[in-house]
Amino acid sequence: RSIGPYDISDYAFKLGDKWGIGQKDRDNGVLILAAMEDRKVF
C-alpha cells in the first residue's frame, strides 16, 4: 500500500537483501516494488 516515510529505493534494496532474491553466487535477482497509494515503483 505505502512505504510511509521511507525512500522507495532504500526500502526496495533492504527488502531484496532480507529476502535474498536471486542466486547468491550470481547476484541475478530483480525486485520490482510498487507502493500503490504512493504511486511509486522502483
Full PDB file with SEQRES, HELIX, SHEET, SSBOND, CRYST1, ORIGX, SCALE, CONECT and MASTER records, all heavy atoms in Angstrom:
SEQRES   1 A   42  ARG SER ILE GLY PRO TYR ASP ILE SER ASP TYR ALA PHE          
SEQRES   2 A   42  LYS LEU GLY ASP LYS TRP GLY ILE GLY GLN LYS ASP ARG          
SEQRES   3 A   42  ASP ASN GLY VAL LEU ILE LEU ALA ALA MET GLU ASP ARG          
SEQRES   4 A   42  LYS VAL PHE                                                  
HELIX    1 AA1 ILE A    8  TRP A   19  1                                  12    
SHEET    1 AA1 2 ALA A  34  ALA A  35  0                                        
SHEET    2 AA1 2 LYS A  40  VAL A  41 -1                                        
CRYST1    1.000    1.000    1.000  90.00  90.00  90.00 P 1           1          
ORIGX1      1.000000  0.000000  0.000000        0.00000                         
ORIGX2      0.000000  1.000000  0.000000        0.00000                         
ORIGX3      0.000000  0.000000  1.000000        0.00000                         
SCALE1      1.000000  0.000000  0.000000        0.00000                         
SCALE2      0.000000  1.000000  0.000000        0.00000                         
SCALE3      0.000000  0.000000  1.000000        0.00000                         
ATOM      1  N   ARG A   1       0.825  -1.209   0.000  1.00  0.00           N  
ATOM      2  CA  ARG A   1       0.000   0.000   0.000  1.00  0.00           C  
ATOM      3  C   ARG A   1       0.861   1.263   0.000  1.00  0.00           C  
ATOM      4  O   ARG A   1       0.670   2.150  -0.799  1.00  0.00           O  
ATOM      5  CB  ARG A   1      -0.938   0.015   1.196  1.00  0.00           C  
ATOM      6  CG  ARG A   1      -1.967  -1.079   1.149  1.00  0.00           C  
ATOM      7  CD  ARG A   1      -3.217  -0.729   1.910  1.00  0.00           C  
ATOM      8  NE  ARG A   1      -4.125  -1.865   1.931  1.00  0.00           N  
ATOM      9  CZ  ARG A   1      -4.875  -2.246   0.913  1.00  0.00           C  
ATOM     10  NH1 ARG A   1      -4.821  -1.599  -0.209  1.00  0.00           N  
ATOM     11  NH2 ARG A   1      -5.669  -3.286   1.014  1.00  0.00           N  
ATOM     12  N   SER A   2       1.818   1.334   0.943  1.00  0.00           N  
ATOM     13  CA  SER A   2       2.626   2.548   1.088  1.00  0.00           C  
ATOM     14  C   SER A   2       3.971   2.207   1.714  1.00  0.00           C  
ATOM     15  O   SER A   2       4.081   1.258   2.493  1.00  0.00           O  
ATOM     16  CB  SER A   2       1.879   3.551   1.978  1.00  0.00           C  
ATOM     17  OG  SER A   2       2.668   4.683   2.223  1.00  0.00           O  
ATOM     18  N   ILE A   3       4.962   3.017   1.389  1.00  0.00           N  
ATOM     19  CA  ILE A   3       6.275   2.861   2.023  1.00  0.00           C  
ATOM     20  C   ILE A   3       6.428   3.806   3.205  1.00  0.00           C  
ATOM     21  O   ILE A   3       7.459   3.828   3.863  1.00  0.00           O  
ATOM     22  CB  ILE A   3       7.421   3.099   1.009  1.00  0.00           C  
ATOM     23  CG1 ILE A   3       7.263   4.445   0.324  1.00  0.00           C  
ATOM     24  CG2 ILE A   3       7.519   1.955   0.043  1.00  0.00           C  
ATOM     25  CD1 ILE A   3       8.438   4.870  -0.486  1.00  0.00           C  
ATOM     26  N   GLY A   4       5.376   4.607   3.444  1.00  0.00           N  
ATOM     27  CA  GLY A   4       5.418   5.541   4.564  1.00  0.00           C  
ATOM     28  C   GLY A   4       6.484   6.599   4.362  1.00  0.00           C  
ATOM     29  O   GLY A   4       6.655   7.102   3.250  1.00  0.00           O  
ATOM     30  N   PRO A   5       7.248   6.897   5.401  1.00  0.00           N  
ATOM     31  CA  PRO A   5       8.252   7.965   5.299  1.00  0.00           C  
ATOM     32  C   PRO A   5       9.565   7.525   4.656  1.00  0.00           C  
ATOM     33  O   PRO A   5      10.492   8.305   4.544  1.00  0.00           O  
ATOM     34  CB  PRO A   5       8.481   8.352   6.762  1.00  0.00           C  
ATOM     35  CG  PRO A   5       8.283   7.077   7.507  1.00  0.00           C  
ATOM     36  CD  PRO A   5       7.153   6.376   6.762  1.00  0.00           C  
ATOM     37  N   TYR A   6       9.638   6.276   4.219  1.00  0.00           N  
ATOM     38  CA  TYR A   6      10.893   5.742   3.697  1.00  0.00           C  
ATOM     39  C   TYR A   6      11.081   6.076   2.221  1.00  0.00           C  
ATOM     40  O   TYR A   6      10.128   6.232   1.475  1.00  0.00           O  
ATOM     41  CB  TYR A   6      10.944   4.222   3.885  1.00  0.00           C  
ATOM     42  CG  TYR A   6      10.765   3.806   5.315  1.00  0.00           C  
ATOM     43  CD1 TYR A   6       9.560   3.285   5.753  1.00  0.00           C  
ATOM     44  CD2 TYR A   6      11.788   3.968   6.238  1.00  0.00           C  
ATOM     45  CE1 TYR A   6       9.380   2.920   7.081  1.00  0.00           C  
ATOM     46  CE2 TYR A   6      11.623   3.613   7.561  1.00  0.00           C  
ATOM     47  CZ  TYR A   6      10.409   3.084   7.972  1.00  0.00           C  
ATOM     48  OH  TYR A   6      10.240   2.740   9.281  1.00  0.00           O  
ATOM     49  N   ASP A   7      12.319   6.134   1.792  1.00  0.00           N  
ATOM     50  CA  ASP A   7      12.654   6.284   0.385  1.00  0.00           C  
ATOM     51  C   ASP A   7      12.419   4.940  -0.297  1.00  0.00           C  
ATOM     52  O   ASP A   7      12.847   3.902   0.214  1.00  0.00           O  
ATOM     53  CB  ASP A   7      14.123   6.707   0.254  1.00  0.00           C  
ATOM     54  CG  ASP A   7      14.543   6.828  -1.189  1.00  0.00           C  
ATOM     55  OD1 ASP A   7      14.181   7.845  -1.809  1.00  0.00           O  
ATOM     56  OD2 ASP A   7      15.203   5.890  -1.673  1.00  0.00           O  
ATOM     57  N   ILE A   8      11.743   4.946  -1.431  1.00  0.00           N  
ATOM     58  CA  ILE A   8      11.378   3.682  -2.072  1.00  0.00           C  
ATOM     59  C   ILE A   8      12.598   2.859  -2.487  1.00  0.00           C  
ATOM     60  O   ILE A   8      12.585   1.637  -2.399  1.00  0.00           O  
ATOM     61  CB  ILE A   8      10.408   3.900  -3.256  1.00  0.00           C  
ATOM     62  CG1 ILE A   8       9.809   2.548  -3.677  1.00  0.00           C  
ATOM     63  CG2 ILE A   8      11.087   4.634  -4.401  1.00  0.00           C  
ATOM     64  CD1 ILE A   8       8.598   2.647  -4.556  1.00  0.00           C  
ATOM     65  N   SER A   9      13.666   3.510  -2.890  1.00  0.00           N  
ATOM     66  CA  SER A   9      14.861   2.750  -3.281  1.00  0.00           C  
ATOM     67  C   SER A   9      15.495   2.064  -2.073  1.00  0.00           C  
ATOM     68  O   SER A   9      15.883   0.893  -2.153  1.00  0.00           O  
ATOM     69  CB  SER A   9      15.875   3.644  -3.992  1.00  0.00           C  
ATOM     70  OG  SER A   9      16.322   4.671  -3.144  1.00  0.00           O  
ATOM     71  N   ASP A  10      15.594   2.766  -0.953  1.00  0.00           N  
ATOM     72  CA  ASP A  10      16.136   2.151   0.266  1.00  0.00           C  
ATOM     73  C   ASP A  10      15.275   0.976   0.708  1.00  0.00           C  
ATOM     74  O   ASP A  10      15.781  -0.083   1.075  1.00  0.00           O  
ATOM     75  CB  ASP A  10      16.216   3.175   1.402  1.00  0.00           C  
ATOM     76  CG  ASP A  10      17.278   4.219   1.186  1.00  0.00           C  
ATOM     77  OD1 ASP A  10      18.201   3.974   0.381  1.00  0.00           O  
ATOM     78  OD2 ASP A  10      17.195   5.284   1.826  1.00  0.00           O  
ATOM     79  N   TYR A  11      13.969   1.167   0.670  1.00  0.00           N  
ATOM     80  CA  TYR A  11      13.023   0.119   1.066  1.00  0.00           C  
ATOM     81  C   TYR A  11      13.199  -1.107   0.175  1.00  0.00           C  
ATOM     82  O   TYR A  11      13.272  -2.239   0.662  1.00  0.00           O  
ATOM     83  CB  TYR A  11      11.600   0.665   0.970  1.00  0.00           C  
ATOM     84  CG  TYR A  11      10.559  -0.149   1.690  1.00  0.00           C  
ATOM     85  CD1 TYR A  11      10.113   0.219   2.948  1.00  0.00           C  
ATOM     86  CD2 TYR A  11      10.004  -1.279   1.108  1.00  0.00           C  
ATOM     87  CE1 TYR A  11       9.151  -0.519   3.607  1.00  0.00           C  
ATOM     88  CE2 TYR A  11       9.042  -2.028   1.756  1.00  0.00           C  
ATOM     89  CZ  TYR A  11       8.618  -1.640   2.997  1.00  0.00           C  
ATOM     90  OH  TYR A  11       7.660  -2.380   3.651  1.00  0.00           O  
ATOM     91  N   ALA A  12      13.285  -0.889  -1.133  1.00  0.00           N  
ATOM     92  CA  ALA A  12      13.411  -1.998  -2.075  1.00  0.00           C  
ATOM     93  C   ALA A  12      14.726  -2.753  -1.867  1.00  0.00           C  
ATOM     94  O   ALA A  12      14.737  -3.998  -1.851  1.00  0.00           O  
ATOM     95  CB  ALA A  12      13.324  -1.482  -3.509  1.00  0.00           C  
ATOM     96  N   PHE A  13      15.837  -2.039  -1.717  1.00  0.00           N  
ATOM     97  CA  PHE A  13      17.121  -2.705  -1.528  1.00  0.00           C  
ATOM     98  C   PHE A  13      17.158  -3.488  -0.214  1.00  0.00           C  
ATOM     99  O   PHE A  13      17.668  -4.606  -0.151  1.00  0.00           O  
ATOM    100  CB  PHE A  13      18.282  -1.704  -1.584  1.00  0.00           C  
ATOM    101  CG  PHE A  13      18.636  -1.290  -2.979  1.00  0.00           C  
ATOM    102  CD1 PHE A  13      18.484   0.021  -3.383  1.00  0.00           C  
ATOM    103  CD2 PHE A  13      19.118  -2.209  -3.895  1.00  0.00           C  
ATOM    104  CE1 PHE A  13      18.795   0.417  -4.671  1.00  0.00           C  
ATOM    105  CE2 PHE A  13      19.439  -1.838  -5.195  1.00  0.00           C  
ATOM    106  CZ  PHE A  13      19.275  -0.517  -5.584  1.00  0.00           C  
ATOM    107  N   LYS A  14      16.599  -2.926   0.852  1.00  0.00           N  
ATOM    108  CA  LYS A  14      16.569  -3.637   2.135  1.00  0.00           C  
ATOM    109  C   LYS A  14      15.681  -4.869   2.068  1.00  0.00           C  
ATOM    110  O   LYS A  14      16.023  -5.920   2.611  1.00  0.00           O  
ATOM    111  CB  LYS A  14      16.117  -2.694   3.246  1.00  0.00           C  
ATOM    112  CG  LYS A  14      17.179  -1.690   3.621  1.00  0.00           C  
ATOM    113  CD  LYS A  14      16.720  -0.745   4.703  1.00  0.00           C  
ATOM    114  CE  LYS A  14      17.803   0.292   4.966  1.00  0.00           C  
ATOM    115  NZ  LYS A  14      17.397   1.299   5.939  1.00  0.00           N  
ATOM    116  N   LEU A  15      14.547  -4.746   1.411  1.00  0.00           N  
ATOM    117  CA  LEU A  15      13.642  -5.888   1.260  1.00  0.00           C  
ATOM    118  C   LEU A  15      14.299  -6.992   0.434  1.00  0.00           C  
ATOM    119  O   LEU A  15      14.265  -8.163   0.809  1.00  0.00           O  
ATOM    120  CB  LEU A  15      12.330  -5.436   0.613  1.00  0.00           C  
ATOM    121  CG  LEU A  15      11.240  -6.483   0.483  1.00  0.00           C  
ATOM    122  CD1 LEU A  15      10.823  -6.992   1.857  1.00  0.00           C  
ATOM    123  CD2 LEU A  15      10.040  -5.882  -0.237  1.00  0.00           C  
ATOM    124  N   GLY A  16      14.910  -6.625  -0.664  1.00  0.00           N  
ATOM    125  CA  GLY A  16      15.598  -7.604  -1.501  1.00  0.00           C  
ATOM    126  C   GLY A  16      16.733  -8.290  -0.771  1.00  0.00           C  
ATOM    127  O   GLY A  16      16.943  -9.505  -0.919  1.00  0.00           O  
ATOM    128  N   ASP A  17      17.460  -7.553   0.030  1.00  0.00           N  
ATOM    129  CA  ASP A  17      18.558  -8.116   0.805  1.00  0.00           C  
ATOM    130  C   ASP A  17      18.022  -9.089   1.856  1.00  0.00           C  
ATOM    131  O   ASP A  17      18.559 -10.175   2.040  1.00  0.00           O  
ATOM    132  CB  ASP A  17      19.360  -6.991   1.460  1.00  0.00           C  
ATOM    133  CG  ASP A  17      20.618  -7.488   2.115  1.00  0.00           C  
ATOM    134  OD1 ASP A  17      21.332  -8.306   1.506  1.00  0.00           O  
ATOM    135  OD2 ASP A  17      20.893  -7.057   3.259  1.00  0.00           O  
ATOM    136  N   LYS A  18      16.952  -8.719   2.523  1.00  0.00           N  
ATOM    137  CA  LYS A  18      16.367  -9.562   3.563  1.00  0.00           C  
ATOM    138  C   LYS A  18      15.795 -10.850   2.979  1.00  0.00           C  
ATOM    139  O   LYS A  18      15.953 -11.921   3.549  1.00  0.00           O  
ATOM    140  CB  LYS A  18      15.270  -8.804   4.307  1.00  0.00           C  
ATOM    141  CG  LYS A  18      14.675  -9.575   5.445  1.00  0.00           C  
ATOM    142  CD  LYS A  18      13.705  -8.751   6.240  1.00  0.00           C  
ATOM    143  CE  LYS A  18      13.182  -9.575   7.405  1.00  0.00           C  
ATOM    144  NZ  LYS A  18      12.305  -8.810   8.263  1.00  0.00           N  
ATOM    145  N   TRP A  19      15.134 -10.759   1.835  1.00  0.00           N  
ATOM    146  CA  TRP A  19      14.523 -11.933   1.209  1.00  0.00           C  
ATOM    147  C   TRP A  19      15.528 -12.776   0.438  1.00  0.00           C  
ATOM    148  O   TRP A  19      15.249 -13.916   0.117  1.00  0.00           O  
ATOM    149  CB  TRP A  19      13.388 -11.507   0.290  1.00  0.00           C  
ATOM    150  CG  TRP A  19      12.148 -11.063   1.007  1.00  0.00           C  
ATOM    151  CD1 TRP A  19      11.996 -10.842   2.342  1.00  0.00           C  
ATOM    152  CD2 TRP A  19      10.885 -10.778   0.417  1.00  0.00           C  
ATOM    153  NE1 TRP A  19      10.721 -10.428   2.616  1.00  0.00           N  
ATOM    154  CE2 TRP A  19      10.010 -10.378   1.459  1.00  0.00           C  
ATOM    155  CE3 TRP A  19      10.404 -10.789  -0.883  1.00  0.00           C  
ATOM    156  CZ2 TRP A  19       8.693 -10.019   1.233  1.00  0.00           C  
ATOM    157  CZ3 TRP A  19       9.089 -10.433  -1.114  1.00  0.00           C  
ATOM    158  CH2 TRP A  19       8.243 -10.061  -0.065  1.00  0.00           C  
ATOM    159  N   GLY A  20      16.671 -12.224   0.097  1.00  0.00           N  
ATOM    160  CA  GLY A  20      17.692 -12.974  -0.636  1.00  0.00           C  
ATOM    161  C   GLY A  20      17.249 -13.373  -2.034  1.00  0.00           C  
ATOM    162  O   GLY A  20      17.338 -14.534  -2.415  1.00  0.00           O  
ATOM    163  N   ILE A  21      16.794 -12.420  -2.799  1.00  0.00           N  
ATOM    164  CA  ILE A  21      16.290 -12.687  -4.144  1.00  0.00           C  
ATOM    165  C   ILE A  21      17.448 -12.942  -5.094  1.00  0.00           C  
ATOM    166  O   ILE A  21      18.429 -12.203  -5.099  1.00  0.00           O  
ATOM    167  CB  ILE A  21      15.427 -11.502  -4.619  1.00  0.00           C  
ATOM    168  CG1 ILE A  21      14.231 -11.346  -3.687  1.00  0.00           C  
ATOM    169  CG2 ILE A  21      14.975 -11.688  -6.052  1.00  0.00           C  
ATOM    170  CD1 ILE A  21      13.496 -10.045  -3.848  1.00  0.00           C  
ATOM    171  N   GLY A  22      17.329 -13.995  -5.906  1.00  0.00           N  
ATOM    172  CA  GLY A  22      18.384 -14.359  -6.839  1.00  0.00           C  
ATOM    173  C   GLY A  22      19.305 -15.414  -6.245  1.00  0.00           C  
ATOM    174  O   GLY A  22      19.115 -15.867  -5.131  1.00  0.00           O  
ATOM    175  N   GLN A  23      20.314 -15.794  -7.014  1.00  0.00           N  
ATOM    176  CA  GLN A  23      21.280 -16.789  -6.566  1.00  0.00           C  
ATOM    177  C   GLN A  23      22.466 -16.087  -5.931  1.00  0.00           C  
ATOM    178  O   GLN A  23      22.977 -15.115  -6.483  1.00  0.00           O  
ATOM    179  CB  GLN A  23      21.730 -17.656  -7.734  1.00  0.00           C  
ATOM    180  CG  GLN A  23      20.616 -18.488  -8.310  1.00  0.00           C  
ATOM    181  CD  GLN A  23      21.072 -19.255  -9.540  1.00  0.00           C  
ATOM    182  OE1 GLN A  23      22.126 -19.001 -10.096  1.00  0.00           O  
ATOM    183  NE2 GLN A  23      20.255 -20.202  -9.959  1.00  0.00           N  
ATOM    184  N   LYS A  24      22.889 -16.599  -4.809  1.00  0.00           N  
ATOM    185  CA  LYS A  24      23.925 -15.943  -4.028  1.00  0.00           C  
ATOM    186  C   LYS A  24      25.217 -15.705  -4.805  1.00  0.00           C  
ATOM    187  O   LYS A  24      25.823 -14.648  -4.719  1.00  0.00           O  
ATOM    188  CB  LYS A  24      24.216 -16.766  -2.778  1.00  0.00           C  
ATOM    189  CG  LYS A  24      25.083 -16.057  -1.777  1.00  0.00           C  
ATOM    190  CD  LYS A  24      25.168 -16.830  -0.504  1.00  0.00           C  
ATOM    191  CE  LYS A  24      25.858 -16.012   0.557  1.00  0.00           C  
ATOM    192  NZ  LYS A  24      25.815 -16.647   1.860  1.00  0.00           N  
ATOM    193  N   ASP A  25      25.626 -16.670  -5.594  1.00  0.00           N  
ATOM    194  CA  ASP A  25      26.904 -16.542  -6.297  1.00  0.00           C  
ATOM    195  C   ASP A  25      26.801 -15.752  -7.597  1.00  0.00           C  
ATOM    196  O   ASP A  25      27.808 -15.449  -8.215  1.00  0.00           O  
ATOM    197  CB  ASP A  25      27.498 -17.927  -6.569  1.00  0.00           C  
ATOM    198  CG  ASP A  25      26.578 -18.808  -7.397  1.00  0.00           C  
ATOM    199  OD1 ASP A  25      25.351 -18.581  -7.383  1.00  0.00           O  
ATOM    200  OD2 ASP A  25      27.086 -19.733  -8.056  1.00  0.00           O  
ATOM    201  N   ARG A  26      25.591 -15.380  -8.014  1.00  0.00           N  
ATOM    202  CA  ARG A  26      25.430 -14.679  -9.287  1.00  0.00           C  
ATOM    203  C   ARG A  26      24.835 -13.284  -9.172  1.00  0.00           C  
ATOM    204  O   ARG A  26      24.848 -12.536 -10.141  1.00  0.00           O  
ATOM    205  CB  ARG A  26      24.538 -15.497 -10.220  1.00  0.00           C  
ATOM    206  CG  ARG A  26      25.157 -16.788 -10.636  1.00  0.00           C  
ATOM    207  CD  ARG A  26      24.345 -17.424 -11.695  1.00  0.00           C  
ATOM    208  NE  ARG A  26      24.960 -18.676 -12.123  1.00  0.00           N  
ATOM    209  CZ  ARG A  26      24.405 -19.503 -12.939  1.00  0.00           C  
ATOM    210  NH1 ARG A  26      23.225 -19.238 -13.443  1.00  0.00           N  
ATOM    211  NH2 ARG A  26      25.016 -20.610 -13.278  1.00  0.00           N  
ATOM    212  N   ASP A  27      24.260 -12.932  -8.051  1.00  0.00           N  
ATOM    213  CA  ASP A  27      23.592 -11.633  -7.898  1.00  0.00           C  
ATOM    214  C   ASP A  27      22.668 -11.362  -9.089  1.00  0.00           C  
ATOM    215  O   ASP A  27      22.744 -10.346  -9.755  1.00  0.00           O  
ATOM    216  CB  ASP A  27      24.609 -10.489  -7.772  1.00  0.00           C  
ATOM    217  CG  ASP A  27      25.277 -10.487  -6.410  1.00  0.00           C  
ATOM    218  OD1 ASP A  27      24.706 -11.048  -5.461  1.00  0.00           O  
ATOM    219  OD2 ASP A  27      26.369  -9.919  -6.297  1.00  0.00           O  
ATOM    220  N   ASN A  28      21.794 -12.306  -9.360  1.00  0.00           N  
ATOM    221  CA  ASN A  28      20.935 -12.219 -10.534  1.00  0.00           C  
ATOM    222  C   ASN A  28      19.452 -12.046 -10.175  1.00  0.00           C  
ATOM    223  O   ASN A  28      18.581 -12.527 -10.869  1.00  0.00           O  
ATOM    224  CB  ASN A  28      21.121 -13.460 -11.417  1.00  0.00           C  
ATOM    225  CG  ASN A  28      20.766 -14.735 -10.687  1.00  0.00           C  
ATOM    226  OD1 ASN A  28      20.594 -14.754  -9.478  1.00  0.00           O  
ATOM    227  ND2 ASN A  28      20.674 -15.818 -11.423  1.00  0.00           N  
ATOM    228  N   GLY A  29      19.189 -11.365  -9.100  1.00  0.00           N  
ATOM    229  CA  GLY A  29      17.815 -11.132  -8.700  1.00  0.00           C  
ATOM    230  C   GLY A  29      17.352  -9.735  -9.064  1.00  0.00           C  
ATOM    231  O   GLY A  29      18.145  -8.807  -9.182  1.00  0.00           O  
ATOM    232  N   VAL A  30      16.040  -9.628  -9.266  1.00  0.00           N  
ATOM    233  CA  VAL A  30      15.410  -8.340  -9.543  1.00  0.00           C  
ATOM    234  C   VAL A  30      14.180  -8.234  -8.662  1.00  0.00           C  
ATOM    235  O   VAL A  30      13.370  -9.165  -8.606  1.00  0.00           O  
ATOM    236  CB  VAL A  30      15.001  -8.220 -11.031  1.00  0.00           C  
ATOM    237  CG1 VAL A  30      14.222  -6.938 -11.276  1.00  0.00           C  
ATOM    238  CG2 VAL A  30      16.212  -8.292 -11.932  1.00  0.00           C  
ATOM    239  N   LEU A  31      14.046  -7.126  -7.976  1.00  0.00           N  
ATOM    240  CA  LEU A  31      12.867  -6.859  -7.159  1.00  0.00           C  
ATOM    241  C   LEU A  31      12.144  -5.661  -7.746  1.00  0.00           C  
ATOM    242  O   LEU A  31      12.737  -4.587  -7.905  1.00  0.00           O  
ATOM    243  CB  LEU A  31      13.258  -6.561  -5.707  1.00  0.00           C  
ATOM    244  CG  LEU A  31      12.119  -6.087  -4.808  1.00  0.00           C  
ATOM    245  CD1 LEU A  31      11.166  -7.240  -4.509  1.00  0.00           C  
ATOM    246  CD2 LEU A  31      12.652  -5.504  -3.522  1.00  0.00           C  
ATOM    247  N   ILE A  32      10.880  -5.862  -8.080  1.00  0.00           N  
ATOM    248  CA  ILE A  32      10.037  -4.766  -8.548  1.00  0.00           C  
ATOM    249  C   ILE A  32       9.089  -4.437  -7.398  1.00  0.00           C  
ATOM    250  O   ILE A  32       8.251  -5.264  -7.015  1.00  0.00           O  
ATOM    251  CB  ILE A  32       9.253  -5.149  -9.812  1.00  0.00           C  
ATOM    252  CG1 ILE A  32      10.225  -5.540 -10.933  1.00  0.00           C  
ATOM    253  CG2 ILE A  32       8.338  -4.003 -10.241  1.00  0.00           C  
ATOM    254  CD1 ILE A  32       9.562  -6.156 -12.136  1.00  0.00           C  
ATOM    255  N   LEU A  33       9.250  -3.253  -6.831  1.00  0.00           N  
ATOM    256  CA  LEU A  33       8.432  -2.816  -5.709  1.00  0.00           C  
ATOM    257  C   LEU A  33       7.474  -1.735  -6.166  1.00  0.00           C  
ATOM    258  O   LEU A  33       7.897  -0.731  -6.748  1.00  0.00           O  
ATOM    259  CB  LEU A  33       9.318  -2.267  -4.582  1.00  0.00           C  
ATOM    260  CG  LEU A  33       8.604  -1.672  -3.374  1.00  0.00           C  
ATOM    261  CD1 LEU A  33       7.764  -2.726  -2.651  1.00  0.00           C  
ATOM    262  CD2 LEU A  33       9.603  -1.033  -2.423  1.00  0.00           C  
ATOM    263  N   ALA A  34       6.189  -1.951  -5.913  1.00  0.00           N  
ATOM    264  CA  ALA A  34       5.165  -0.959  -6.241  1.00  0.00           C  
ATOM    265  C   ALA A  34       4.443  -0.557  -4.962  1.00  0.00           C  
ATOM    266  O   ALA A  34       3.853  -1.399  -4.284  1.00  0.00           O  
ATOM    267  CB  ALA A  34       4.169  -1.531  -7.246  1.00  0.00           C  
ATOM    268  N   ALA A  35       4.536   0.729  -4.632  1.00  0.00           N  
ATOM    269  CA  ALA A  35       3.803   1.292  -3.488  1.00  0.00           C  
ATOM    270  C   ALA A  35       2.559   1.969  -4.069  1.00  0.00           C  
ATOM    271  O   ALA A  35       2.643   3.076  -4.604  1.00  0.00           O  
ATOM    272  CB  ALA A  35       4.673   2.278  -2.721  1.00  0.00           C  
ATOM    273  N   MET A  36       1.451   1.273  -4.012  1.00  0.00           N  
ATOM    274  CA  MET A  36       0.259   1.663  -4.756  1.00  0.00           C  
ATOM    275  C   MET A  36      -0.303   3.027  -4.352  1.00  0.00           C  
ATOM    276  O   MET A  36      -0.578   3.861  -5.204  1.00  0.00           O  
ATOM    277  CB  MET A  36      -0.811   0.575  -4.623  1.00  0.00           C  
ATOM    278  CG  MET A  36      -0.315  -0.814  -5.051  1.00  0.00           C  
ATOM    279  SD  MET A  36       0.338  -0.879  -6.723  1.00  0.00           S  
ATOM    280  CE  MET A  36      -1.180  -0.885  -7.631  1.00  0.00           C  
ATOM    281  N   GLU A  37      -0.490   3.270  -3.076  1.00  0.00           N  
ATOM    282  CA  GLU A  37      -1.062   4.544  -2.638  1.00  0.00           C  
ATOM    283  C   GLU A  37      -0.105   5.710  -2.865  1.00  0.00           C  
ATOM    284  O   GLU A  37      -0.538   6.841  -3.065  1.00  0.00           O  
ATOM    285  CB  GLU A  37      -1.486   4.466  -1.171  1.00  0.00           C  
ATOM    286  CG  GLU A  37      -2.682   3.562  -0.949  1.00  0.00           C  
ATOM    287  CD  GLU A  37      -3.058   3.411   0.517  1.00  0.00           C  
ATOM    288  OE1 GLU A  37      -2.424   4.058   1.387  1.00  0.00           O  
ATOM    289  OE2 GLU A  37      -3.989   2.633   0.793  1.00  0.00           O  
ATOM    290  N   ASP A  38       1.188   5.427  -2.834  1.00  0.00           N  
ATOM    291  CA  ASP A  38       2.196   6.462  -3.064  1.00  0.00           C  
ATOM    292  C   ASP A  38       2.423   6.713  -4.551  1.00  0.00           C  
ATOM    293  O   ASP A  38       3.075   7.683  -4.925  1.00  0.00           O  
ATOM    294  CB  ASP A  38       3.537   6.060  -2.434  1.00  0.00           C  
ATOM    295  CG  ASP A  38       3.427   5.825  -0.946  1.00  0.00           C  
ATOM    296  OD1 ASP A  38       2.578   6.459  -0.299  1.00  0.00           O  
ATOM    297  OD2 ASP A  38       4.194   4.985  -0.434  1.00  0.00           O  
ATOM    298  N   ARG A  39       1.908   5.790  -5.375  1.00  0.00           N  
ATOM    299  CA  ARG A  39       2.075   5.857  -6.829  1.00  0.00           C  
ATOM    300  C   ARG A  39       3.562   5.886  -7.203  1.00  0.00           C  
ATOM    301  O   ARG A  39       4.010   6.700  -8.014  1.00  0.00           O  
ATOM    302  CB  ARG A  39       1.320   7.040  -7.410  1.00  0.00           C  
ATOM    303  CG  ARG A  39      -0.173   6.959  -7.129  1.00  0.00           C  
ATOM    304  CD  ARG A  39      -0.899   8.162  -7.626  1.00  0.00           C  
ATOM    305  NE  ARG A  39      -0.801   8.275  -9.063  1.00  0.00           N  
ATOM    306  CZ  ARG A  39      -1.796   8.052  -9.917  1.00  0.00           C  
ATOM    307  NH1 ARG A  39      -2.969   7.723  -9.459  1.00  0.00           N  
ATOM    308  NH2 ARG A  39      -1.612   8.192 -11.209  1.00  0.00           N  
ATOM    309  N   LYS A  40       4.321   4.974  -6.579  1.00  0.00           N  
ATOM    310  CA  LYS A  40       5.758   4.878  -6.818  1.00  0.00           C  
ATOM    311  C   LYS A  40       6.123   3.441  -7.150  1.00  0.00           C  
ATOM    312  O   LYS A  40       5.568   2.503  -6.602  1.00  0.00           O  
ATOM    313  CB  LYS A  40       6.547   5.310  -5.591  1.00  0.00           C  
ATOM    314  CG  LYS A  40       6.405   6.767  -5.247  1.00  0.00           C  
ATOM    315  CD  LYS A  40       7.242   7.134  -4.053  1.00  0.00           C  
ATOM    316  CE  LYS A  40       7.101   8.609  -3.721  1.00  0.00           C  
ATOM    317  NZ  LYS A  40       7.917   8.975  -2.571  1.00  0.00           N  
ATOM    318  N   VAL A  41       7.088   3.306  -8.049  1.00  0.00           N  
ATOM    319  CA  VAL A  41       7.616   1.997  -8.428  1.00  0.00           C  
ATOM    320  C   VAL A  41       9.135   2.105  -8.450  1.00  0.00           C  
ATOM    321  O   VAL A  41       9.685   3.111  -8.895  1.00  0.00           O  
ATOM    322  CB  VAL A  41       7.098   1.559  -9.815  1.00  0.00           C  
ATOM    323  CG1 VAL A  41       7.742   0.264 -10.248  1.00  0.00           C  
ATOM    324  CG2 VAL A  41       5.583   1.428  -9.816  1.00  0.00           C  
ATOM    325  N   PHE A  42       9.791   1.048  -7.995  1.00  0.00           N  
ATOM    326  CA  PHE A  42      11.260   1.018  -8.056  1.00  0.00           C  
ATOM    327  C   PHE A  42      11.695  -0.384  -8.419  1.00  0.00           C  
ATOM    328  O   PHE A  42      11.144  -1.366  -7.925  1.00  0.00           O  
ATOM    329  CB  PHE A  42      11.871   1.421  -6.710  1.00  0.00           C  
ATOM    330  CG  PHE A  42      13.358   1.617  -6.783  1.00  0.00           C  
ATOM    331  CD1 PHE A  42      13.904   2.788  -7.267  1.00  0.00           C  
ATOM    332  CD2 PHE A  42      14.217   0.597  -6.399  1.00  0.00           C  
ATOM    333  CE1 PHE A  42      15.279   2.966  -7.364  1.00  0.00           C  
ATOM    334  CE2 PHE A  42      15.595   0.758  -6.485  1.00  0.00           C  
ATOM    335  CZ  PHE A  42      16.117   1.951  -6.970  1.00  0.00           C  
TER     336      PHE A  42                                                      
MASTER        0    0    0    1    2    0    0    6  335    1    0    4          
END                                                                             
